[in-house]
């Protein structure tokens, strides 16, 4: 009980320290570096949400981009000022009452997550009875259906033209604040009876069912919660970039998130957080490979896409040496850190000093 109290106090101190660092980052970092940090936090949210489905519950879902699209469009449409809506929907007017509604950012974000979760619930009812590759194909198909619907609903999403002039509300405090909330929710959920049920389903569905675990109930719960946070992440991303269109939410976006959880470790919260920062920063750090490099005595012509080739090779090397990702299914907890710090070095006789 005493240790639990100390863990809570230490966690609160870490959160306060994080926001102090973010305050100084906002003051001294330029827009480019701030955007990269925002993307790190958003991909942390998205990685944690997909890891709940794929890593902890053992489902193979590839529909995350569709849920992100729902959250992004919902948040954008509700937060855009009326004059901006009129400028976007010049070919066909926006449907009523969305054309006259302007909501604050937080309620819009939450509603985007709720709508994504609702669609996931409707999709999950028939789809989650499938397993393995069949489930992956079905969720990928539904994600593409959502994207195609958004492309062809001119009066709701502005079709292929997308939305521009979205308020740039997302900042370091919004993205990291929601990332911290997502992290806390995931830790509490995984350490609860529901989390133990998710892991049991992942390890052996037949054994879990024989122990009295309702497979369908827990699968759809994990799927819905993951979709809710995917919608939140999509809303943050849309209001960070300031413009969205259906082509943004293709399978490639789901692939990037899947890459994060595979590299970090399927079923590891710590690994997902670390991997989200590594992949997001590395993608930007290697951008110079796509451009011409002047070495003085000769110039190396840039090859578009070379950055992704080098990045893929580096990832393959990591996967070869770390088959289960950087962390596997392990976690870095406050208790582990405290035990590491409290260990005293041994003397020559093997006795603690």
Protein backbone atom coordinates (compact mmCIF):
# COMPACT_ATOMS: atom_id res chain seq x y z
CA UNK A 1 0.00 0.00 0.00
CA UNK A 2 2.84 2.33 0.91
CA UNK A 3 4.68 1.51 -2.32
CA UNK A 4 1.50 2.15 -4.32
CA UNK A 5 1.20 5.58 -2.69
CA UNK A 6 4.82 6.40 -3.57
CA UNK A 7 4.24 5.22 -7.17
CA UNK A 8 1.27 7.60 -7.53
CA UNK A 9 3.27 10.54 -6.10
CA UNK A 10 6.22 9.75 -8.38
CA UNK A 11 3.91 9.48 -11.42
CA UNK A 12 2.36 12.88 -10.66
CA UNK A 13 5.84 14.41 -10.34
CA UNK A 14 6.84 12.93 -13.72
CA UNK A 15 3.71 14.34 -15.38
CA UNK A 16 4.34 17.80 -13.91
CA UNK A 17 7.97 17.61 -15.07
CA UNK A 18 6.82 16.63 -18.57
CA UNK A 19 4.55 19.67 -18.87
CA UNK A 20 7.29 21.97 -17.57
CA UNK A 21 9.56 20.61 -20.33
CA UNK A 22 6.76 21.13 -22.87
CA UNK A 23 6.34 24.73 -21.70
CA UNK A 24 10.00 25.51 -22.42
CA UNK A 25 9.85 23.51 -25.68
CA UNK A 26 6.94 25.66 -26.82
CA UNK A 27 8.95 28.79 -26.03
CA UNK A 28 12.26 27.85 -27.64
CA UNK A 29 11.58 25.26 -30.37
CA UNK A 30 10.67 26.34 -33.89
CA UNK A 31 7.46 25.23 -35.65
CA UNK A 32 9.16 22.35 -37.47
CA UNK A 33 10.56 20.72 -34.30
CA UNK A 34 7.32 21.34 -32.45
CA UNK A 35 5.40 19.58 -35.22
CA UNK A 36 7.70 16.56 -35.01
CA UNK A 37 7.12 16.35 -31.24
CA UNK A 38 3.38 16.65 -31.81
CA UNK A 39 3.54 13.80 -34.32
CA UNK A 40 5.51 11.69 -31.81
CA UNK A 41 2.72 12.13 -29.25
CA UNK A 42 -0.06 11.48 -31.79
CA UNK A 43 1.63 8.32 -33.07
CA UNK A 44 2.05 7.22 -29.45
CA UNK A 45 -1.75 7.45 -29.03
CA UNK A 46 -2.34 5.58 -32.29
CA UNK A 47 0.28 2.94 -31.49
CA UNK A 48 -1.16 2.28 -28.02
CA UNK A 49 -4.68 1.98 -29.44
CA UNK A 50 -3.63 -0.53 -32.13
CA UNK A 51 -1.47 -2.46 -29.66
CA UNK A 52 -4.52 -2.99 -27.46
CA UNK A 53 -6.22 -4.74 -30.39
CA UNK A 54 -3.30 -6.53 -32.05
CA UNK A 55 -0.76 -6.90 -29.26
CA UNK A 56 -2.76 -7.52 -26.09
CA UNK A 57 -5.91 -9.17 -27.47
CA UNK A 58 -4.22 -11.03 -30.32
CA UNK A 59 -6.53 -9.79 -33.08
CA UNK A 60 -5.08 -8.86 -36.48
CA UNK A 61 -6.80 -5.61 -37.43
CA UNK A 62 -5.78 -3.41 -40.35
CA UNK A 63 -8.64 -0.92 -40.19
CA UNK A 64 -7.10 1.82 -38.06
CA UNK A 65 -6.85 4.36 -40.89
CA UNK A 66 -10.63 4.26 -41.35
CA UNK A 67 -11.27 5.06 -37.68
CA UNK A 68 -8.73 7.87 -37.86
CA UNK A 69 -10.58 9.31 -40.86
CA UNK A 70 -13.86 9.36 -38.91
CA UNK A 71 -12.23 11.21 -36.01
CA UNK A 72 -10.35 13.63 -38.26
CA UNK A 73 -13.38 14.63 -40.36
CA UNK A 74 -15.70 14.90 -37.35
CA UNK A 75 -13.30 17.15 -35.43
CA UNK A 76 -12.52 19.27 -38.49
CA UNK A 77 -16.17 19.83 -39.46
CA UNK A 78 -17.18 20.77 -35.93
CA UNK A 79 -14.28 23.16 -35.25
CA UNK A 80 -14.12 24.97 -38.61
CA UNK A 81 -15.55 28.52 -38.63
CA UNK A 82 -18.66 29.04 -40.79
CA UNK A 83 -16.89 31.25 -43.42
CA UNK A 84 -14.20 28.56 -43.88
CA UNK A 85 -16.91 25.92 -44.34
CA UNK A 86 -18.52 28.05 -47.05
CA UNK A 87 -15.16 28.41 -48.83
CA UNK A 88 -14.54 24.65 -48.75
CA UNK A 89 -18.01 23.60 -49.89
CA UNK A 90 -18.23 25.81 -52.98
CA UNK A 91 -19.30 22.98 -55.31
CA UNK A 92 -22.08 21.64 -53.09
CA UNK A 93 -23.22 23.17 -49.78
CA UNK A 94 -22.52 21.39 -46.50
CA UNK A 95 -25.53 19.57 -45.10
CA UNK A 96 -27.55 21.17 -42.32
CA UNK A 97 -27.05 21.59 -39.36
CA UNK A 98 -23.28 21.09 -39.76
CA UNK A 99 -23.07 24.25 -41.87
CA UNK A 100 -24.04 26.38 -38.84
CA UNK A 101 -22.40 24.44 -35.99
CA UNK A 102 -19.03 25.43 -34.44
CA UNK A 103 -17.93 23.49 -31.36
CA UNK A 104 -14.92 23.85 -29.05
CA UNK A 105 -12.00 21.54 -29.76
CA UNK A 106 -12.32 19.10 -26.84
CA UNK A 107 -16.01 18.17 -27.32
CA UNK A 108 -15.39 17.81 -31.07
CA UNK A 109 -12.44 15.52 -30.40
CA UNK A 110 -14.44 13.35 -27.98
CA UNK A 111 -17.37 13.10 -30.39
CA UNK A 112 -14.96 12.06 -33.17
CA UNK A 113 -13.67 9.27 -30.92
CA UNK A 114 -17.21 8.20 -29.98
CA UNK A 115 -18.32 8.02 -33.62
CA UNK A 116 -15.21 5.98 -34.51
CA UNK A 117 -15.97 3.63 -31.60
CA UNK A 118 -19.61 3.32 -32.70
CA UNK A 119 -18.62 2.40 -36.26
CA UNK A 120 -16.08 -0.09 -34.84
CA UNK A 121 -18.85 -1.65 -32.76
CA UNK A 122 -21.07 -2.03 -35.84
CA UNK A 123 -18.18 -3.45 -37.88
CA UNK A 124 -16.94 -5.66 -35.06
CA UNK A 125 -20.26 -7.45 -34.53
CA UNK A 126 -19.95 -9.52 -37.75
CA UNK A 127 -16.20 -9.24 -38.41
CA UNK A 128 -14.73 -10.29 -35.04
CA UNK A 129 -16.09 -13.81 -35.52
CA UNK A 130 -13.30 -14.22 -38.08
CA UNK A 131 -9.71 -15.04 -37.15
CA UNK A 132 -6.19 -14.38 -38.39
CA UNK A 133 -5.73 -13.34 -42.01
CA UNK A 134 -9.48 -13.34 -42.67
CA UNK A 135 -9.99 -10.75 -39.93
CA UNK A 136 -7.13 -8.64 -41.32
CA UNK A 137 -8.65 -8.68 -44.83
CA UNK A 138 -12.13 -7.85 -43.53
CA UNK A 139 -10.98 -4.89 -41.39
CA UNK A 140 -8.81 -3.61 -44.24
CA UNK A 141 -11.83 -3.84 -46.54
CA UNK A 142 -14.01 -1.87 -44.13
CA UNK A 143 -11.30 0.77 -43.82
CA UNK A 144 -11.26 1.16 -47.60
CA UNK A 145 -15.07 1.32 -47.66
CA UNK A 146 -14.98 4.21 -45.17
CA UNK A 147 -12.40 6.02 -47.33
CA UNK A 148 -14.44 5.50 -50.51
CA UNK A 149 -17.60 6.74 -48.79
CA UNK A 150 -15.76 9.88 -47.67
CA UNK A 151 -14.52 10.38 -51.24
CA UNK A 152 -18.05 10.28 -52.64
CA UNK A 153 -20.04 12.22 -50.04
CA UNK A 154 -19.55 15.71 -51.47
CA UNK A 155 -22.02 17.47 -49.17
CA UNK A 156 -20.60 15.91 -46.00
CA UNK A 157 -16.84 15.57 -46.47
CA UNK A 158 -16.29 17.72 -49.61
CA UNK A 159 -15.34 14.54 -51.45
CA UNK A 160 -11.91 14.17 -53.03
CA UNK A 161 -11.23 17.91 -52.55
CA UNK A 162 -10.89 17.39 -48.80
CA UNK A 163 -11.03 20.08 -46.14
CA UNK A 164 -8.64 23.04 -45.88
CA UNK A 165 -8.33 25.85 -43.38
CA UNK A 166 -8.89 23.58 -40.36
CA UNK A 167 -7.99 25.48 -37.16
CA UNK A 168 -4.48 24.55 -35.98
CA UNK A 169 -5.65 23.88 -32.44
CA UNK A 170 -3.40 20.90 -31.75
CA UNK A 171 -0.27 21.90 -29.84
CA UNK A 172 2.24 20.24 -27.54
CA UNK A 173 -0.05 20.46 -24.52
CA UNK A 174 -3.03 18.95 -26.33
CA UNK A 175 -1.10 16.12 -27.98
CA UNK A 176 1.08 15.15 -25.01
CA UNK A 177 -1.76 15.69 -22.53
CA UNK A 178 -4.00 13.26 -24.41
CA UNK A 179 -1.05 10.89 -24.92
CA UNK A 180 -0.52 10.80 -21.13
CA UNK A 181 -4.25 10.17 -20.57
CA UNK A 182 -4.18 7.37 -23.17
CA UNK A 183 -1.12 5.86 -21.49
CA UNK A 184 -2.77 5.92 -18.06
CA UNK A 185 -6.00 4.41 -19.41
CA UNK A 186 -4.08 1.61 -21.16
CA UNK A 187 -2.02 0.80 -18.06
CA UNK A 188 -5.12 0.67 -15.85
CA UNK A 189 -7.02 -1.39 -18.44
CA UNK A 190 -4.24 -3.93 -19.04
CA UNK A 191 -3.68 -4.40 -15.30
CA UNK A 192 -7.41 -4.93 -14.67
CA UNK A 193 -9.43 -8.15 -14.97
CA UNK A 194 -10.32 -7.10 -18.53
CA UNK A 195 -6.63 -6.83 -19.41
CA UNK A 196 -5.97 -10.32 -18.05
CA UNK A 197 -8.88 -11.59 -20.13
CA UNK A 198 -7.43 -9.89 -23.25
CA UNK A 199 -4.09 -11.61 -22.67
CA UNK A 200 -5.78 -14.97 -22.07
CA UNK A 201 -7.62 -14.65 -25.41
CA UNK A 202 -4.33 -13.78 -27.10
CA UNK A 203 -2.56 -16.85 -25.70
CA UNK A 204 -5.29 -19.45 -26.23
CA UNK A 205 -8.89 -18.70 -27.16
CA UNK A 206 -10.15 -22.21 -26.38
CA UNK A 207 -8.58 -22.25 -22.91
CA UNK A 208 -9.87 -18.72 -22.22
CA UNK A 209 -13.41 -19.72 -23.22
CA UNK A 210 -13.26 -22.84 -21.04
CA UNK A 211 -12.30 -20.60 -18.11
CA UNK A 212 -15.55 -18.66 -18.58
CA UNK A 213 -14.24 -15.66 -20.57
CA UNK A 214 -16.78 -14.30 -23.03
CA UNK A 215 -14.64 -14.12 -26.19
CA UNK A 216 -16.96 -11.96 -28.29
CA UNK A 217 -17.61 -9.45 -25.49
CA UNK A 218 -13.91 -8.91 -24.75
CA UNK A 219 -12.87 -8.82 -28.40
CA UNK A 220 -15.44 -6.18 -29.30
CA UNK A 221 -14.54 -4.21 -26.15
CA UNK A 222 -10.85 -4.07 -27.14
CA UNK A 223 -11.78 -3.27 -30.76
CA UNK A 224 -14.12 -0.44 -29.72
CA UNK A 225 -11.72 1.14 -27.21
CA UNK A 226 -8.89 0.96 -29.74
CA UNK A 227 -11.08 2.63 -32.37
CA UNK A 228 -12.08 5.38 -29.91
CA UNK A 229 -8.46 6.39 -29.35
CA UNK A 230 -7.76 6.04 -33.09
CA UNK A 231 -10.53 8.60 -33.69
CA UNK A 232 -8.98 10.88 -31.08
CA UNK A 233 -5.58 10.54 -32.76
CA UNK A 234 -7.09 11.27 -36.17
CA UNK A 235 -8.76 14.42 -34.82
CA UNK A 236 -5.47 15.64 -33.34
CA UNK A 237 -3.66 14.93 -36.62
CA UNK A 238 -6.21 16.80 -38.74
CA UNK A 239 -6.13 19.87 -36.52
CA UNK A 240 -2.32 19.77 -36.50
CA UNK A 241 -1.84 19.62 -40.28
CA UNK A 242 -4.72 21.99 -41.06
CA UNK A 243 -5.89 20.07 -44.16
CA UNK A 244 -7.22 16.56 -44.75
CA UNK A 245 -8.44 14.51 -47.69
CA UNK A 246 -9.45 10.85 -48.17
CA UNK A 247 -6.08 9.89 -49.70
CA UNK A 248 -4.40 10.59 -46.35
CA UNK A 249 -6.18 7.61 -44.82
CA UNK A 250 -5.00 4.81 -47.05
CA UNK A 251 -3.52 1.51 -45.84
CA UNK A 252 -0.06 3.08 -45.71
CA UNK A 253 -1.11 5.02 -42.60
CA UNK A 254 -2.18 1.81 -40.83
CA UNK A 255 1.11 0.25 -41.93
CA UNK A 256 3.08 3.00 -40.19
CA UNK A 257 1.21 2.41 -36.94
CA UNK A 258 1.62 -1.36 -37.29
CA UNK A 259 5.33 -0.77 -37.77
CA UNK A 260 5.46 1.07 -34.44
CA UNK A 261 3.94 -1.76 -32.42
CA UNK A 262 5.98 -4.46 -34.19
CA UNK A 263 9.24 -2.59 -33.62
CA UNK A 264 8.40 -1.72 -30.02
CA UNK A 265 7.01 -5.14 -29.16
CA UNK A 266 3.54 -6.63 -29.55
CA UNK A 267 1.97 -6.38 -26.12
CA UNK A 268 4.36 -3.80 -24.66
CA UNK A 269 3.16 -0.34 -23.70
CA UNK A 270 6.69 0.89 -23.00
CA UNK A 271 7.93 -0.46 -26.33
CA UNK A 272 5.13 1.30 -28.22
CA UNK A 273 5.96 4.67 -26.67
CA UNK A 274 9.69 4.31 -27.35
CA UNK A 275 9.11 3.04 -30.90
CA UNK A 276 6.68 5.89 -31.74
CA UNK A 277 9.38 8.45 -30.96
CA UNK A 278 12.15 6.49 -32.72
CA UNK A 279 10.20 5.95 -35.95
CA UNK A 280 8.72 9.45 -36.17
CA UNK A 281 12.06 11.19 -35.56
CA UNK A 282 13.96 8.77 -37.84
CA UNK A 283 11.54 9.38 -40.72
CA UNK A 284 12.36 13.08 -40.54
CA UNK A 285 16.09 12.65 -39.86
CA UNK A 286 16.50 10.54 -43.04
CA UNK A 287 14.62 13.02 -45.24
CA UNK A 288 17.93 14.38 -46.61
CA UNK A 289 18.33 11.13 -48.58
CA UNK A 290 15.50 12.19 -50.90
CA UNK A 291 17.36 15.37 -51.84
CA UNK A 292 20.66 16.04 -53.64
CA UNK A 293 23.72 15.92 -51.37
CA UNK A 294 26.63 18.24 -52.24
CA UNK A 295 29.95 16.83 -50.98
CA UNK A 296 32.05 19.62 -52.51
CA UNK A 297 33.93 17.66 -55.16
CA UNK A 298 30.80 15.96 -56.50
CA UNK A 299 27.05 15.90 -55.95
CA UNK A 300 24.96 12.84 -55.20
CA UNK A 301 21.59 13.12 -56.88
CA UNK A 302 18.64 12.61 -54.59
CA UNK A 303 16.36 9.64 -55.27
CA UNK A 304 12.74 10.14 -54.19
CA UNK A 305 11.79 7.32 -51.83
CA UNK A 306 15.39 6.41 -50.89
CA UNK A 307 14.63 7.48 -47.34
CA UNK A 308 11.98 4.76 -47.03
CA UNK A 309 14.34 2.15 -48.52
CA UNK A 310 17.11 2.92 -46.00
CA UNK A 311 14.56 3.12 -43.20
CA UNK A 312 13.12 -0.28 -44.17
CA UNK A 313 16.59 -1.85 -44.25
CA UNK A 314 17.37 -0.49 -40.78
CA UNK A 315 14.06 -1.86 -39.49
CA UNK A 316 14.79 -5.27 -41.03
CA UNK A 317 18.12 -5.35 -39.19
CA UNK A 318 16.41 -4.50 -35.91
CA UNK A 319 13.78 -7.20 -36.43
CA UNK A 320 16.48 -9.77 -37.26
CA UNK A 321 18.32 -9.11 -33.99
CA UNK A 322 15.21 -8.39 -31.89
CA UNK A 323 12.59 -10.82 -33.17
CA UNK A 324 10.03 -9.75 -30.58
CA UNK A 325 10.74 -6.03 -30.98
CA UNK A 326 12.77 -3.75 -28.76
CA UNK A 327 10.88 -4.64 -25.57
CA UNK A 328 9.11 -7.90 -26.45
CA UNK A 329 6.20 -8.00 -24.02
CA UNK A 330 8.18 -6.47 -21.16
CA UNK A 331 7.52 -3.14 -19.44
CA UNK A 332 9.62 -0.53 -17.65
CA UNK A 333 7.72 0.14 -14.43
CA UNK A 334 8.39 2.45 -11.51
CA UNK A 335 9.04 -0.58 -9.28
CA UNK A 336 11.72 -1.86 -11.65
CA UNK A 337 13.39 1.57 -11.79
CA UNK A 338 13.27 1.87 -7.99
CA UNK A 339 14.82 -1.59 -7.56
CA UNK A 340 17.57 -0.76 -10.05
CA UNK A 341 18.38 2.50 -8.30
CA UNK A 342 18.28 0.97 -4.81
CA UNK A 343 20.76 -1.81 -5.63
CA UNK A 344 24.11 -1.14 -4.01
CA UNK A 345 27.39 -2.20 -5.61
CA UNK A 346 29.08 -5.30 -4.19
CA UNK A 347 32.47 -5.31 -2.51
CA UNK A 348 35.21 -7.74 -3.51
CA UNK A 349 33.84 -10.28 -1.06
CA UNK A 350 30.40 -10.14 -2.66
CA UNK A 351 28.82 -8.30 0.24
CA UNK A 352 26.73 -5.15 -0.25
CA UNK A 353 28.38 -1.98 0.96
